[in-house]
Amino acid sequence: MKEEPNGVLDKGWMHYVKVDAGNMDSNNADFAINPEFYKQQKYVDPKNANASDEVGSINVPDMKSFFFVITRHSINILSNRRNDIGNQQEVIFYTDLKKLQGPTLKDGKEL
């Protein structure tokens, strides 16, 4: 992965499930809903709703999509691509992540 001059390693639209230590029930987990998807319908011309560039859709593509910007130090989750700082939902610093507990499997084999 090549780092851009501004420190970005990768970026694009993704879905995510937000869980924390108090809410680890995976049976009830669902993707987060992006309220910006509904807000943009008020100001985006329908003719330009599917506009895209080399990164992907310029507008929020669906109600469960968030724009991720991955850097060397963090994962930044944004509600849209129009104003990065004002629409930041969450920043996850790698140093704040805890190691997974219990067995970890890859291709059916424990790591």
PDB file of N, CA and C in Angstrom:
ATOM      1  N   MET A   1       0.841  -1.164   0.000  1.00  0.00           N
ATOM      2  CA  MET A   1       0.000   0.000   0.000  1.00  0.00           C
ATOM      3  C   MET A   1       0.893   1.236   0.000  1.00  0.00           C
ATOM      4  N   LYS A   2       0.730   2.101  -0.957  1.00  0.00           N
ATOM      5  CA  LYS A   2       1.569   3.293  -1.064  1.00  0.00           C
ATOM      6  C   LYS A   2       0.935   4.461  -0.298  1.00  0.00           C
ATOM      7  N   GLU A   3       1.733   5.125   0.499  1.00  0.00           N
ATOM      8  CA  GLU A   3       1.259   6.258   1.285  1.00  0.00           C
ATOM      9  C   GLU A   3       1.239   7.520   0.422  1.00  0.00           C
ATOM     10  N   GLU A   4       0.106   8.233   0.455  1.00  0.00           N
ATOM     11  CA  GLU A   4      -0.007   9.501  -0.266  1.00  0.00           C
ATOM     12  C   GLU A   4       0.777  10.571   0.484  1.00  0.00           C
ATOM     13  N   PRO A   5       1.129  11.692  -0.173  1.00  0.00           N
ATOM     14  CA  PRO A   5       1.884  12.763   0.495  1.00  0.00           C
ATOM     15  C   PRO A   5       1.191  13.293   1.763  1.00  0.00           C
ATOM     16  N   ASN A   6      -0.150  13.222   1.820  1.00  0.00           N
ATOM     17  CA  ASN A   6      -0.871  13.716   2.996  1.00  0.00           C
ATOM     18  C   ASN A   6      -0.990  12.663   4.093  1.00  0.00           C
ATOM     19  N   GLY A   7      -0.312  11.516   3.930  1.00  0.00           N
ATOM     20  CA  GLY A   7      -0.307  10.480   4.963  1.00  0.00           C
ATOM     21  C   GLY A   7      -1.404   9.444   4.826  1.00  0.00           C
ATOM     22  N   VAL A   8      -2.246   9.542   3.813  1.00  0.00           N
ATOM     23  CA  VAL A   8      -3.356   8.606   3.628  1.00  0.00           C
ATOM     24  C   VAL A   8      -2.851   7.338   2.940  1.00  0.00           C
ATOM     25  N   LEU A   9      -3.198   6.180   3.516  1.00  0.00           N
ATOM     26  CA  LEU A   9      -2.848   4.891   2.920  1.00  0.00           C
ATOM     27  C   LEU A   9      -3.964   4.375   2.005  1.00  0.00           C
ATOM     28  N   ASP A  10      -5.204   4.586   2.407  1.00  0.00           N
ATOM     29  CA  ASP A  10      -6.335   4.131   1.606  1.00  0.00           C
ATOM     30  C   ASP A  10      -7.577   4.890   2.050  1.00  0.00           C
ATOM     31  N   LYS A  11      -8.590   4.915   1.166  1.00  0.00           N
ATOM     32  CA  LYS A  11      -9.850   5.572   1.496  1.00  0.00           C
ATOM     33  C   LYS A  11     -10.938   5.005   0.616  1.00  0.00           C
ATOM     34  N   GLY A  12     -12.156   5.043   1.127  1.00  0.00           N
ATOM     35  CA  GLY A  12     -13.281   4.537   0.356  1.00  0.00           C
ATOM     36  C   GLY A  12     -14.508   4.341   1.229  1.00  0.00           C
ATOM     37  N   TRP A  13     -15.605   3.966   0.602  1.00  0.00           N
ATOM     38  CA  TRP A  13     -16.877   3.741   1.291  1.00  0.00           C
ATOM     39  C   TRP A  13     -16.925   2.327   1.851  1.00  0.00           C
ATOM     40  N   MET A  14     -17.394   2.198   3.104  1.00  0.00           N
ATOM     41  CA  MET A  14     -17.518   0.894   3.759  1.00  0.00           C
ATOM     42  C   MET A  14     -18.700   0.910   4.718  1.00  0.00           C
ATOM     43  N   HIS A  15     -19.107  -0.270   5.122  1.00  0.00           N
ATOM     44  CA  HIS A  15     -20.103  -0.442   6.186  1.00  0.00           C
ATOM     45  C   HIS A  15     -19.339  -0.886   7.430  1.00  0.00           C
ATOM     46  N   TYR A  16     -19.869  -0.540   8.609  1.00  0.00           N
ATOM     47  CA  TYR A  16     -19.223  -1.037   9.820  1.00  0.00           C
ATOM     48  C   TYR A  16     -20.233  -1.246  10.932  1.00  0.00           C
ATOM     49  N   VAL A  17     -19.880  -2.144  11.848  1.00  0.00           N
ATOM     50  CA  VAL A  17     -20.672  -2.424  13.033  1.00  0.00           C
ATOM     51  C   VAL A  17     -19.894  -1.871  14.208  1.00  0.00           C
ATOM     52  N   LYS A  18     -20.518  -1.013  14.990  1.00  0.00           N
ATOM     53  CA  LYS A  18     -19.843  -0.447  16.150  1.00  0.00           C
ATOM     54  C   LYS A  18     -20.207  -1.276  17.380  1.00  0.00           C
ATOM     55  N   VAL A  19     -19.202  -1.874  18.000  1.00  0.00           N
ATOM     56  CA  VAL A  19     -19.401  -2.655  19.219  1.00  0.00           C
ATOM     57  C   VAL A  19     -18.436  -2.146  20.278  1.00  0.00           C
ATOM     58  N   ASP A  20     -18.802  -2.346  21.520  1.00  0.00           N
ATOM     59  CA  ASP A  20     -17.904  -2.003  22.617  1.00  0.00           C
ATOM     60  C   ASP A  20     -17.997  -3.102  23.661  1.00  0.00           C
ATOM     61  N   ALA A  21     -17.204  -2.994  24.705  1.00  0.00           N
ATOM     62  CA  ALA A  21     -17.149  -4.048  25.719  1.00  0.00           C
ATOM     63  C   ALA A  21     -18.506  -4.297  26.362  1.00  0.00           C
ATOM     64  N   GLY A  22     -19.356  -3.285  26.445  1.00  0.00           N
ATOM     65  CA  GLY A  22     -20.666  -3.445  27.058  1.00  0.00           C
ATOM     66  C   GLY A  22     -21.724  -3.968  26.102  1.00  0.00           C
ATOM     67  N   ASN A  23     -21.402  -4.076  24.815  1.00  0.00           N
ATOM     68  CA  ASN A  23     -22.383  -4.503  23.818  1.00  0.00           C
ATOM     69  C   ASN A  23     -21.714  -5.461  22.835  1.00  0.00           C
ATOM     70  N   MET A  24     -21.414  -6.654  23.285  1.00  0.00           N
ATOM     71  CA  MET A  24     -20.695  -7.616  22.447  1.00  0.00           C
ATOM     72  C   MET A  24     -21.605  -8.688  21.873  1.00  0.00           C
ATOM     73  N   ASP A  25     -22.924  -8.506  21.947  1.00  0.00           N
ATOM     74  CA  ASP A  25     -23.862  -9.502  21.445  1.00  0.00           C
ATOM     75  C   ASP A  25     -23.918  -9.441  19.928  1.00  0.00           C
ATOM     76  N   SER A  26     -23.214 -10.349  19.268  1.00  0.00           N
ATOM     77  CA  SER A  26     -23.150 -10.320  17.807  1.00  0.00           C
ATOM     78  C   SER A  26     -24.477 -10.702  17.157  1.00  0.00           C
ATOM     79  N   ASN A  27     -25.374 -11.342  17.907  1.00  0.00           N
ATOM     80  CA  ASN A  27     -26.671 -11.705  17.338  1.00  0.00           C
ATOM     81  C   ASN A  27     -27.522 -10.470  17.057  1.00  0.00           C
ATOM     82  N   ASN A  28     -27.305  -9.391  17.804  1.00  0.00           N
ATOM     83  CA  ASN A  28     -28.082  -8.168  17.632  1.00  0.00           C
ATOM     84  C   ASN A  28     -27.320  -7.101  16.862  1.00  0.00           C
ATOM     85  N   ALA A  29     -26.104  -7.399  16.426  1.00  0.00           N
ATOM     86  CA  ALA A  29     -25.275  -6.410  15.733  1.00  0.00           C
ATOM     87  C   ALA A  29     -25.831  -6.134  14.335  1.00  0.00           C
ATOM     88  N   ASP A  30     -25.814  -4.874  13.959  1.00  0.00           N
ATOM     89  CA  ASP A  30     -26.216  -4.476  12.616  1.00  0.00           C
ATOM     90  C   ASP A  30     -25.319  -3.315  12.209  1.00  0.00           C
ATOM     91  N   PHE A  31     -25.253  -3.068  10.922  1.00  0.00           N
ATOM     92  CA  PHE A  31     -24.428  -1.966  10.450  1.00  0.00           C
ATOM     93  C   PHE A  31     -24.981  -0.634  10.936  1.00  0.00           C
ATOM     94  N   ALA A  32     -24.081   0.298  11.223  1.00  0.00           N
ATOM     95  CA  ALA A  32     -24.467   1.648  11.629  1.00  0.00           C
ATOM     96  C   ALA A  32     -25.195   2.329  10.472  1.00  0.00           C
ATOM     97  N   ILE A  33     -26.136   3.206  10.804  1.00  0.00           N
ATOM     98  CA  ILE A  33     -26.899   3.963   9.806  1.00  0.00           C
ATOM     99  C   ILE A  33     -26.298   5.363   9.703  1.00  0.00           C
ATOM    100  N   ASN A  34     -26.064   5.821   8.482  1.00  0.00           N
ATOM    101  CA  ASN A  34     -25.490   7.141   8.237  1.00  0.00           C
ATOM    102  C   ASN A  34     -26.622   8.133   7.952  1.00  0.00           C
ATOM    103  N   PRO A  35     -26.929   9.041   8.903  1.00  0.00           N
ATOM    104  CA  PRO A  35     -28.017  10.004   8.689  1.00  0.00           C
ATOM    105  C   PRO A  35     -27.755  10.969   7.535  1.00  0.00           C
ATOM    106  N   GLU A  36     -26.509  11.110   7.144  1.00  0.00           N
ATOM    107  CA  GLU A  36     -26.159  12.009   6.038  1.00  0.00           C
ATOM    108  C   GLU A  36     -26.774  11.529   4.718  1.00  0.00           C
ATOM    109  N   PHE A  37     -27.022  10.244   4.588  1.00  0.00           N
ATOM    110  CA  PHE A  37     -27.627   9.706   3.366  1.00  0.00           C
ATOM    111  C   PHE A  37     -28.976  10.372   3.105  1.00  0.00           C
ATOM    112  N   TYR A  38     -29.778  10.545   4.143  1.00  0.00           N
ATOM    113  CA  TYR A  38     -31.099  11.156   3.988  1.00  0.00           C
ATOM    114  C   TYR A  38     -31.002  12.671   3.839  1.00  0.00           C
ATOM    115  N   LYS A  39     -30.067  13.289   4.549  1.00  0.00           N
ATOM    116  CA  LYS A  39     -29.884  14.742   4.457  1.00  0.00           C
ATOM    117  C   LYS A  39     -29.476  15.174   3.055  1.00  0.00           C
ATOM    118  N   GLN A  40     -28.612  14.389   2.406  1.00  0.00           N
ATOM    119  CA  GLN A  40     -28.102  14.785   1.095  1.00  0.00           C
ATOM    120  C   GLN A  40     -29.210  14.814   0.041  1.00  0.00           C
ATOM    121  N   GLN A  41     -30.298  14.108   0.274  1.00  0.00           N
ATOM    122  CA  GLN A  41     -31.384  14.080  -0.708  1.00  0.00           C
ATOM    123  C   GLN A  41     -32.049  15.444  -0.844  1.00  0.00           C
ATOM    124  N   LYS A  42     -31.830  16.322   0.130  1.00  0.00           N
ATOM    125  CA  LYS A  42     -32.391  17.673   0.083  1.00  0.00           C
ATOM    126  C   LYS A  42     -31.553  18.611  -0.783  1.00  0.00           C
ATOM    127  N   TYR A  43     -30.242  18.349  -0.907  1.00  0.00           N
ATOM    128  CA  TYR A  43     -29.390  19.294  -1.626  1.00  0.00           C
ATOM    129  C   TYR A  43     -28.658  18.718  -2.841  1.00  0.00           C
ATOM    130  N   VAL A  44     -28.704  17.408  -3.062  1.00  0.00           N
ATOM    131  CA  VAL A  44     -28.028  16.824  -4.220  1.00  0.00           C
ATOM    132  C   VAL A  44     -29.014  16.721  -5.379  1.00  0.00           C
ATOM    133  N   ASP A  45     -28.643  17.293  -6.505  1.00  0.00           N
ATOM    134  CA  ASP A  45     -29.459  17.207  -7.718  1.00  0.00           C
ATOM    135  C   ASP A  45     -29.546  15.734  -8.131  1.00  0.00           C
ATOM    136  N   PRO A  46     -30.751  15.192  -8.336  1.00  0.00           N
ATOM    137  CA  PRO A  46     -30.888  13.777  -8.714  1.00  0.00           C
ATOM    138  C   PRO A  46     -30.062  13.382  -9.936  1.00  0.00           C
ATOM    139  N   LYS A  47     -29.817  14.325 -10.833  1.00  0.00           N
ATOM    140  CA  LYS A  47     -28.988  14.023 -12.011  1.00  0.00           C
ATOM    141  C   LYS A  47     -27.546  13.728 -11.617  1.00  0.00           C
ATOM    142  N   ASN A  48     -27.109  14.247 -10.463  1.00  0.00           N
ATOM    143  CA  ASN A  48     -25.725  14.060 -10.003  1.00  0.00           C
ATOM    144  C   ASN A  48     -25.617  13.077  -8.834  1.00  0.00           C
ATOM    145  N   ALA A  49     -26.698  12.416  -8.504  1.00  0.00           N
ATOM    146  CA  ALA A  49     -26.715  11.526  -7.336  1.00  0.00           C
ATOM    147  C   ALA A  49     -25.702  10.391  -7.447  1.00  0.00           C
ATOM    148  N   ASN A  50     -25.423   9.936  -8.655  1.00  0.00           N
ATOM    149  CA  ASN A  50     -24.486   8.827  -8.846  1.00  0.00           C
ATOM    150  C   ASN A  50     -23.104   9.284  -9.304  1.00  0.00           C
ATOM    151  N   ALA A  51     -22.782  10.548  -9.115  1.00  0.00           N
ATOM    152  CA  ALA A  51     -21.480  11.070  -9.528  1.00  0.00           C
ATOM    153  C   ALA A  51     -20.360  10.349  -8.776  1.00  0.00           C
ATOM    154  N   SER A  52     -19.263  10.082  -9.488  1.00  0.00           N
ATOM    155  CA  SER A  52     -18.137   9.407  -8.851  1.00  0.00           C
ATOM    156  C   SER A  52     -16.821   9.875  -9.462  1.00  0.00           C
ATOM    157  N   ASP A  53     -15.726   9.510  -8.796  1.00  0.00           N
ATOM    158  CA  ASP A  53     -14.385   9.799  -9.285  1.00  0.00           C
ATOM    159  C   ASP A  53     -13.523   8.569  -9.043  1.00  0.00           C
ATOM    160  N   GLU A  54     -12.202   8.722  -9.074  1.00  0.00           N
ATOM    161  CA  GLU A  54     -11.312   7.572  -8.916  1.00  0.00           C
ATOM    162  C   GLU A  54     -11.405   6.912  -7.545  1.00  0.00           C
ATOM    163  N   VAL A  55     -11.919   7.617  -6.536  1.00  0.00           N
ATOM    164  CA  VAL A  55     -12.053   7.064  -5.190  1.00  0.00           C
ATOM    165  C   VAL A  55     -13.375   6.313  -5.035  1.00  0.00           C
ATOM    166  N   GLY A  56     -14.373   6.715  -5.789  1.00  0.00           N
ATOM    167  CA  GLY A  56     -15.696   6.097  -5.684  1.00  0.00           C
ATOM    168  C   GLY A  56     -16.772   7.164  -5.717  1.00  0.00           C
ATOM    169  N   SER A  57     -17.919   6.828  -5.170  1.00  0.00           N
ATOM    170  CA  SER A  57     -19.055   7.734  -5.163  1.00  0.00           C
ATOM    171  C   SER A  57     -18.716   9.020  -4.407  1.00  0.00           C
ATOM    172  N   ILE A  58     -19.130  10.148  -4.954  1.00  0.00           N
ATOM    173  CA  ILE A  58     -18.912  11.429  -4.282  1.00  0.00           C
ATOM    174  C   ILE A  58     -19.966  11.621  -3.192  1.00  0.00           C
ATOM    175  N   ASN A  59     -21.180  11.154  -3.455  1.00  0.00           N
ATOM    176  CA  ASN A  59     -22.269  11.229  -2.479  1.00  0.00           C
ATOM    177  C   ASN A  59     -22.327   9.922  -1.687  1.00  0.00           C
ATOM    178  N   VAL A  60     -23.019   9.961  -0.544  1.00  0.00           N
ATOM    179  CA  VAL A  60     -23.176   8.756   0.274  1.00  0.00           C
ATOM    180  C   VAL A  60     -23.987   7.748  -0.544  1.00  0.00           C
ATOM    181  N   PRO A  61     -23.414   6.578  -0.876  1.00  0.00           N
ATOM    182  CA  PRO A  61     -24.084   5.654  -1.789  1.00  0.00           C
ATOM    183  C   PRO A  61     -25.313   4.950  -1.232  1.00  0.00           C
ATOM    184  N   ASP A  62     -25.358   4.700   0.076  1.00  0.00           N
ATOM    185  CA  ASP A  62     -26.527   4.064   0.680  1.00  0.00           C
ATOM    186  C   ASP A  62     -26.539   4.388   2.169  1.00  0.00           C
ATOM    187  N   MET A  63     -27.628   4.042   2.840  1.00  0.00           N
ATOM    188  CA  MET A  63     -27.818   4.470   4.229  1.00  0.00           C
ATOM    189  C   MET A  63     -26.844   3.833   5.220  1.00  0.00           C
ATOM    190  N   LYS A  64     -26.126   2.791   4.832  1.00  0.00           N
ATOM    191  CA  LYS A  64     -25.195   2.139   5.751  1.00  0.00           C
ATOM    192  C   LYS A  64     -23.732   2.374   5.382  1.00  0.00           C
ATOM    193  N   SER A  65     -23.464   3.293   4.466  1.00  0.00           N
ATOM    194  CA  SER A  65     -22.085   3.559   4.042  1.00  0.00           C
ATOM    195  C   SER A  65     -21.500   4.767   4.762  1.00  0.00           C
ATOM    196  N   PHE A  66     -20.247   4.621   5.173  1.00  0.00           N
ATOM    197  CA  PHE A  66     -19.452   5.700   5.754  1.00  0.00           C
ATOM    198  C   PHE A  66     -18.154   5.764   4.968  1.00  0.00           C
ATOM    199  N   PHE A  67     -17.532   6.944   4.932  1.00  0.00           N
ATOM    200  CA  PHE A  67     -16.280   7.107   4.206  1.00  0.00           C
ATOM    201  C   PHE A  67     -15.127   6.898   5.173  1.00  0.00           C
ATOM    202  N   PHE A  68     -14.285   5.918   4.884  1.00  0.00           N
ATOM    203  CA  PHE A  68     -13.139   5.594   5.726  1.00  0.00           C
ATOM    204  C   PHE A  68     -11.880   6.182   5.116  1.00  0.00           C
ATOM    205  N   VAL A  69     -11.036   6.789   5.954  1.00  0.00           N
ATOM    206  CA  VAL A  69      -9.714   7.260   5.549  1.00  0.00           C
ATOM    207  C   VAL A  69      -8.729   6.563   6.481  1.00  0.00           C
ATOM    208  N   ILE A  70      -7.864   5.744   5.900  1.00  0.00           N
ATOM    209  CA  ILE A  70      -6.912   4.967   6.685  1.00  0.00           C
ATOM    210  C   ILE A  70      -5.529   5.591   6.553  1.00  0.00           C
ATOM    211  N   THR A  71      -4.935   5.914   7.701  1.00  0.00           N
ATOM    212  CA  THR A  71      -3.589   6.480   7.730  1.00  0.00           C
ATOM    213  C   THR A  71      -2.663   5.501   8.459  1.00  0.00           C
ATOM    214  N   ARG A  72      -1.424   5.859   8.564  1.00  0.00           N
ATOM    215  CA  ARG A  72      -0.452   5.014   9.268  1.00  0.00           C
ATOM    216  C   ARG A  72      -0.786   4.870  10.757  1.00  0.00           C
ATOM    217  N   HIS A  73      -1.508   5.850  11.330  1.00  0.00           N
ATOM    218  CA  HIS A  73      -1.754   5.867  12.769  1.00  0.00           C
ATOM    219  C   HIS A  73      -3.208   5.659  13.161  1.00  0.00           C
ATOM    220  N   SER A  74      -4.148   5.794  12.189  1.00  0.00           N
ATOM    221  CA  SER A  74      -5.547   5.746  12.589  1.00  0.00           C
ATOM    222  C   SER A  74      -6.482   5.361  11.437  1.00  0.00           C
ATOM    223  N   ILE A  75      -7.701   5.027  11.834  1.00  0.00           N
ATOM    224  CA  ILE A  75      -8.814   4.844  10.905  1.00  0.00           C
ATOM    225  C   ILE A  75      -9.788   5.969  11.206  1.00  0.00           C
ATOM    226  N   ASN A  76     -10.116   6.768  10.209  1.00  0.00           N
ATOM    227  CA  ASN A  76     -11.024   7.897  10.374  1.00  0.00           C
ATOM    228  C   ASN A  76     -12.329   7.569   9.651  1.00  0.00           C
ATOM    229  N   ILE A  77     -13.433   7.669  10.385  1.00  0.00           N
ATOM    230  CA  ILE A  77     -14.739   7.340   9.821  1.00  0.00           C
ATOM    231  C   ILE A  77     -15.516   8.632   9.664  1.00  0.00           C
ATOM    232  N   LEU A  78     -15.916   8.937   8.423  1.00  0.00           N
ATOM    233  CA  LEU A  78     -16.605  10.186   8.100  1.00  0.00           C
ATOM    234  C   LEU A  78     -18.006   9.886   7.581  1.00  0.00           C
ATOM    235  N   SER A  79     -18.931  10.817   7.814  1.00  0.00           N
ATOM    236  CA  SER A  79     -20.290  10.611   7.313  1.00  0.00           C
ATOM    237  C   SER A  79     -20.412  10.957   5.838  1.00  0.00           C
ATOM    238  N   ASN A  80     -19.493  11.771   5.304  1.00  0.00           N
ATOM    239  CA  ASN A  80     -19.487  12.053   3.861  1.00  0.00           C
ATOM    240  C   ASN A  80     -18.105  12.528   3.428  1.00  0.00           C
ATOM    241  N   ARG A  81     -17.944  12.792   2.136  1.00  0.00           N
ATOM    242  CA  ARG A  81     -16.644  13.219   1.593  1.00  0.00           C
ATOM    243  C   ARG A  81     -16.556  14.725   1.412  1.00  0.00           C
ATOM    244  N   ARG A  82     -17.598  15.461   1.670  1.00  0.00           N
ATOM    245  CA  ARG A  82     -17.645  16.886   1.333  1.00  0.00           C
ATOM    246  C   ARG A  82     -16.861  17.775   2.295  1.00  0.00           C
ATOM    247  N   ASN A  83     -16.874  17.468   3.571  1.00  0.00           N
ATOM    248  CA  ASN A  83     -16.198  18.298   4.563  1.00  0.00           C
ATOM    249  C   ASN A  83     -15.617  17.369   5.623  1.00  0.00           C
ATOM    250  N   ASP A  84     -14.397  16.898   5.400  1.00  0.00           N
ATOM    251  CA  ASP A  84     -13.809  15.860   6.240  1.00  0.00           C
ATOM    252  C   ASP A  84     -13.873  16.128   7.737  1.00  0.00           C
ATOM    253  N   ILE A  85     -13.467  17.309   8.160  1.00  0.00           N
ATOM    254  CA  ILE A  85     -13.383  17.585   9.596  1.00  0.00           C
ATOM    255  C   ILE A  85     -14.769  17.707  10.219  1.00  0.00           C
ATOM    256  N   GLY A  86     -15.675  18.414   9.570  1.00  0.00           N
ATOM    257  CA  GLY A  86     -16.998  18.645  10.141  1.00  0.00           C
ATOM    258  C   GLY A  86     -17.874  17.416  10.202  1.00  0.00           C
ATOM    259  N   ASN A  87     -17.571  16.387   9.426  1.00  0.00           N
ATOM    260  CA  ASN A  87     -18.417  15.209   9.380  1.00  0.00           C
ATOM    261  C   ASN A  87     -17.736  13.963   9.902  1.00  0.00           C
ATOM    262  N   GLN A  88     -16.735  14.151  10.752  1.00  0.00           N
ATOM    263  CA  GLN A  88     -16.015  13.013  11.302  1.00  0.00           C
ATOM    264  C   GLN A  88     -16.885  12.330  12.338  1.00  0.00           C
ATOM    265  N   GLN A  89     -17.108  11.041  12.181  1.00  0.00           N
ATOM    266  CA  GLN A  89     -17.909  10.260  13.114  1.00  0.00           C
ATOM    267  C   GLN A  89     -17.051   9.672  14.227  1.00  0.00           C
ATOM    268  N   GLU A  90     -15.865   9.201  13.845  1.00  0.00           N
ATOM    269  CA  GLU A  90     -15.023   8.520  14.815  1.00  0.00           C
ATOM    270  C   GLU A  90     -13.591   8.439  14.301  1.00  0.00           C
ATOM    271  N   VAL A  91     -12.644   8.459  15.237  1.00  0.00           N
ATOM    272  CA  VAL A  91     -11.237   8.216  14.924  1.00  0.00           C
ATOM    273  C   VAL A  91     -10.787   7.065  15.805  1.00  0.00           C
ATOM    274  N   ILE A  92     -10.213   6.049  15.190  1.00  0.00           N
ATOM    275  CA  ILE A  92      -9.712   4.895  15.931  1.00  0.00           C
ATOM    276  C   ILE A  92      -8.194   4.878  15.760  1.00  0.00           C
ATOM    277  N   PHE A  93      -7.488   5.113  16.854  1.00  0.00           N
ATOM    278  CA  PHE A  93      -6.022   5.059  16.823  1.00  0.00           C
ATOM    279  C   PHE A  93      -5.586   3.614  17.077  1.00  0.00           C
ATOM    280  N   TYR A  94      -4.668   3.127  16.283  1.00  0.00           N
ATOM    281  CA  TYR A  94      -4.223   1.746  16.422  1.00  0.00           C
ATOM    282  C   TYR A  94      -3.692   1.454  17.817  1.00  0.00           C
ATOM    283  N   THR A  95      -3.092   2.458  18.459  1.00  0.00           N
ATOM    284  CA  THR A  95      -2.541   2.250  19.802  1.00  0.00           C
ATOM    285  C   THR A  95      -3.635   2.018  20.828  1.00  0.00           C
ATOM    286  N   ASP A  96      -4.883   2.405  20.525  1.00  0.00           N
ATOM    287  CA  ASP A  96      -5.997   2.209  21.452  1.00  0.00           C
ATOM    288  C   ASP A  96      -6.664   0.843  21.299  1.00  0.00           C
ATOM    289  N   LEU A  97      -6.325   0.108  20.251  1.00  0.00           N
ATOM    290  CA  LEU A  97      -6.950  -1.192  20.012  1.00  0.00           C
ATOM    291  C   LEU A  97      -6.348  -2.241  20.937  1.00  0.00           C
ATOM    292  N   LYS A  98      -7.206  -3.108  21.423  1.00  0.00           N
ATOM    293  CA  LYS A  98      -6.751  -4.200  22.281  1.00  0.00           C
ATOM    294  C   LYS A  98      -6.640  -5.463  21.451  1.00  0.00           C
ATOM    295  N   LYS A  99      -5.759  -6.340  21.867  1.00  0.00           N
ATOM    296  CA  LYS A  99      -5.605  -7.617  21.177  1.00  0.00           C
ATOM    297  C   LYS A  99      -6.875  -8.443  21.342  1.00  0.00           C
ATOM    298  N   LEU A 100      -7.191  -9.242  20.331  1.00  0.00           N
ATOM    299  CA  LEU A 100      -8.339 -10.123  20.407  1.00  0.00           C
ATOM    300  C   LEU A 100      -8.124 -11.178  21.470  1.00  0.00           C
ATOM    301  N   GLN A 101      -9.175 -11.480  22.219  1.00  0.00           N
ATOM    302  CA  GLN A 101      -9.107 -12.499  23.247  1.00  0.00           C
ATOM    303  C   GLN A 101      -9.612 -13.813  22.675  1.00  0.00           C
ATOM    304  N   GLY A 102      -9.030 -14.901  23.101  1.00  0.00           N
ATOM    305  CA  GLY A 102      -9.499 -16.210  22.672  1.00  0.00           C
ATOM    306  C   GLY A 102      -8.831 -16.650  21.390  1.00  0.00           C
ATOM    307  N   PRO A 103      -9.275 -17.784  20.872  1.00  0.00           N
ATOM    308  CA  PRO A 103      -8.648 -18.312  19.656  1.00  0.00           C
ATOM    309  C   PRO A 103      -8.942 -17.428  18.449  1.00  0.00           C
ATOM    310  N   THR A 104      -7.957 -17.271  17.618  1.00  0.00           N
ATOM    311  CA  THR A 104      -8.099 -16.524  16.379  1.00  0.00           C
ATOM    312  C   THR A 104      -7.818 -17.491  15.239  1.00  0.00           C
ATOM    313  N   LEU A 105      -8.743 -17.565  14.293  1.00  0.00           N
ATOM    314  CA  LEU A 105      -8.619 -18.519  13.206  1.00  0.00           C
ATOM    315  C   LEU A 105      -8.361 -17.840  11.873  1.00  0.00           C
ATOM    316  N   LYS A 106      -7.572 -18.493  11.050  1.00  0.00           N
ATOM    317  CA  LYS A 106      -7.357 -18.056   9.671  1.00  0.00           C
ATOM    318  C   LYS A 106      -7.360 -19.312   8.818  1.00  0.00           C
ATOM    319  N   ASP A 107      -8.246 -19.351   7.843  1.00  0.00           N
ATOM    320  CA  ASP A 107      -8.385 -20.523   6.983  1.00  0.00           C
ATOM    321  C   ASP A 107      -8.615 -21.790   7.799  1.00  0.00           C
ATOM    322  N   GLY A 108      -9.372 -21.654   8.894  1.00  0.00           N
ATOM    323  CA  GLY A 108      -9.700 -22.816   9.710  1.00  0.00           C
ATOM    324  C   GLY A 108      -8.612 -23.258  10.661  1.00  0.00           C
ATOM    325  N   LYS A 109      -7.486 -22.539  10.698  1.00  0.00           N
ATOM    326  CA  LYS A 109      -6.374 -22.896  11.587  1.00  0.00           C
ATOM    327  C   LYS A 109      -6.161 -21.796  12.606  1.00  0.00           C
ATOM    328  N   GLU A 110      -5.918 -22.208  13.875  1.00  0.00           N
ATOM    329  CA  GLU A 110      -5.690 -21.233  14.931  1.00  0.00           C
ATOM    330  C   GLU A 110      -4.328 -20.584  14.772  1.00  0.00           C
ATOM    331  N   LEU A 111      -4.290 -19.257  14.953  1.00  0.00           N
ATOM    332  CA  LEU A 111      -3.024 -18.518  14.824  1.00  0.00           C
ATOM    333  C   LEU A 111      -2.248 -18.555  16.127  1.00  0.00           C
TER     334      LEU A 111
END
